[in-house]
Amino acid sequence: MEITGIAIRRLQRSLNALGRGLSTPHLRVDGRLGRKTVAALARFLATREREGEEALVRALRALD
């Protein structure tokens, strides 16, 4: 399964919006799945747990 730049940009935008107020760093929306995006996703999910996962899925679906 190939992950496109469009999908990564959606993920980055969602993490930026949902991660406000958390210790999640603001991501540059560049469409690249680099170490900063992966680290931000891991930190977001570790902090928000199941609730965060559900919120992230809803946000990604809304951008579809």
C-alpha atoms as a PDB file:
ATOM      1  CA  MET A   1       0.000   0.000   0.000  1.00  0.00           C
ATOM      2  CA  GLU A   2       1.451   3.306  -1.085  1.00  0.00           C
ATOM      3  CA  ILE A   3       0.943   6.334   1.125  1.00  0.00           C
ATOM      4  CA  THR A   4       0.603   9.474  -0.978  1.00  0.00           C
ATOM      5  CA  GLY A   5       1.777  12.965  -0.209  1.00  0.00           C
ATOM      6  CA  ILE A   6      -1.860  14.057  -0.058  1.00  0.00           C
ATOM      7  CA  ALA A   7      -2.578  11.536   2.711  1.00  0.00           C
ATOM      8  CA  ILE A   8       0.511  12.618   4.649  1.00  0.00           C
ATOM      9  CA  ARG A   9      -0.463  16.290   4.359  1.00  0.00           C
ATOM     10  CA  ARG A  10      -3.898  15.409   5.753  1.00  0.00           C
ATOM     11  CA  LEU A  11      -2.255  13.547   8.624  1.00  0.00           C
ATOM     12  CA  GLN A  12       0.087  16.463   9.338  1.00  0.00           C
ATOM     13  CA  ARG A  13      -2.767  18.999   9.291  1.00  0.00           C
ATOM     14  CA  SER A  14      -4.839  16.809  11.595  1.00  0.00           C
ATOM     15  CA  LEU A  15      -1.981  16.324  14.045  1.00  0.00           C
ATOM     16  CA  ASN A  16      -1.350  20.075  14.089  1.00  0.00           C
ATOM     17  CA  ALA A  17      -5.012  20.811  14.823  1.00  0.00           C
ATOM     18  CA  LEU A  18      -5.608  18.036  17.354  1.00  0.00           C
ATOM     19  CA  GLY A  19      -2.232  18.393  19.043  1.00  0.00           C
ATOM     20  CA  ARG A  20      -2.717  21.998  20.138  1.00  0.00           C
ATOM     21  CA  GLY A  21      -2.174  22.322  23.857  1.00  0.00           C
ATOM     22  CA  LEU A  22      -0.261  19.052  24.033  1.00  0.00           C
ATOM     23  CA  SER A  23       3.478  18.643  23.926  1.00  0.00           C
ATOM     24  CA  THR A  24       3.182  17.660  20.253  1.00  0.00           C
ATOM     25  CA  PRO A  25       5.451  19.784  18.057  1.00  0.00           C
ATOM     26  CA  HIS A  26       3.887  21.776  15.219  1.00  0.00           C
ATOM     27  CA  LEU A  27       4.597  20.020  11.929  1.00  0.00           C
ATOM     28  CA  ARG A  28       5.460  21.627   8.627  1.00  0.00           C
ATOM     29  CA  VAL A  29       2.824  20.356   6.182  1.00  0.00           C
ATOM     30  CA  ASP A  30       5.094  19.061   3.440  1.00  0.00           C
ATOM     31  CA  GLY A  31       3.573  15.687   2.546  1.00  0.00           C
ATOM     32  CA  ARG A  32       6.666  13.757   3.616  1.00  0.00           C
ATOM     33  CA  LEU A  33       6.436  10.943   6.143  1.00  0.00           C
ATOM     34  CA  GLY A  34       9.631  11.727   7.985  1.00  0.00           C
ATOM     35  CA  ARG A  35      10.817  11.126  11.509  1.00  0.00           C
ATOM     36  CA  LYS A  36       9.151  14.288  12.863  1.00  0.00           C
ATOM     37  CA  THR A  37       5.745  13.242  11.532  1.00  0.00           C
ATOM     38  CA  VAL A  38       6.139   9.721  12.895  1.00  0.00           C
ATOM     39  CA  ALA A  39       7.319  11.055  16.273  1.00  0.00           C
ATOM     40  CA  ALA A  40       4.409  13.525  16.457  1.00  0.00           C
ATOM     41  CA  LEU A  41       1.936  10.745  15.660  1.00  0.00           C
ATOM     42  CA  ALA A  42       3.457   8.451  18.291  1.00  0.00           C
ATOM     43  CA  ARG A  43       3.446  11.211  20.932  1.00  0.00           C
ATOM     44  CA  PHE A  44      -0.139  12.193  20.090  1.00  0.00           C
ATOM     45  CA  LEU A  45      -1.384   8.610  20.362  1.00  0.00           C
ATOM     46  CA  ALA A  46       0.585   7.979  23.562  1.00  0.00           C
ATOM     47  CA  THR A  47      -0.877  11.119  25.146  1.00  0.00           C
ATOM     48  CA  ARG A  48      -4.472  10.882  23.940  1.00  0.00           C
ATOM     49  CA  GLU A  49      -4.690   7.064  23.726  1.00  0.00           C
ATOM     50  CA  ARG A  50      -7.940   5.590  22.352  1.00  0.00           C
ATOM     51  CA  GLU A  51      -9.771   8.933  22.402  1.00  0.00           C
ATOM     52  CA  GLY A  52      -6.999  10.471  20.319  1.00  0.00           C
ATOM     53  CA  GLU A  53      -7.024   7.639  17.832  1.00  0.00           C
ATOM     54  CA  GLU A  54     -10.772   8.044  17.323  1.00  0.00           C
ATOM     55  CA  ALA A  55     -10.470  11.828  16.988  1.00  0.00           C
ATOM     56  CA  LEU A  56      -7.663  11.461  14.464  1.00  0.00           C
ATOM     57  CA  VAL A  57      -9.661   8.988  12.364  1.00  0.00           C
ATOM     58  CA  ARG A  58     -12.666  11.360  12.385  1.00  0.00           C
ATOM     59  CA  ALA A  59     -10.454  14.289  11.356  1.00  0.00           C
ATOM     60  CA  LEU A  60      -8.859  12.330   8.514  1.00  0.00           C
ATOM     61  CA  ARG A  61     -12.242  11.174   7.246  1.00  0.00           C
ATOM     62  CA  ALA A  62     -13.525  14.749   7.309  1.00  0.00           C
ATOM     63  CA  LEU A  63     -10.653  15.829   5.066  1.00  0.00           C
ATOM     64  CA  ASP A  64     -11.381  13.089   2.549  1.00  0.00           C
END
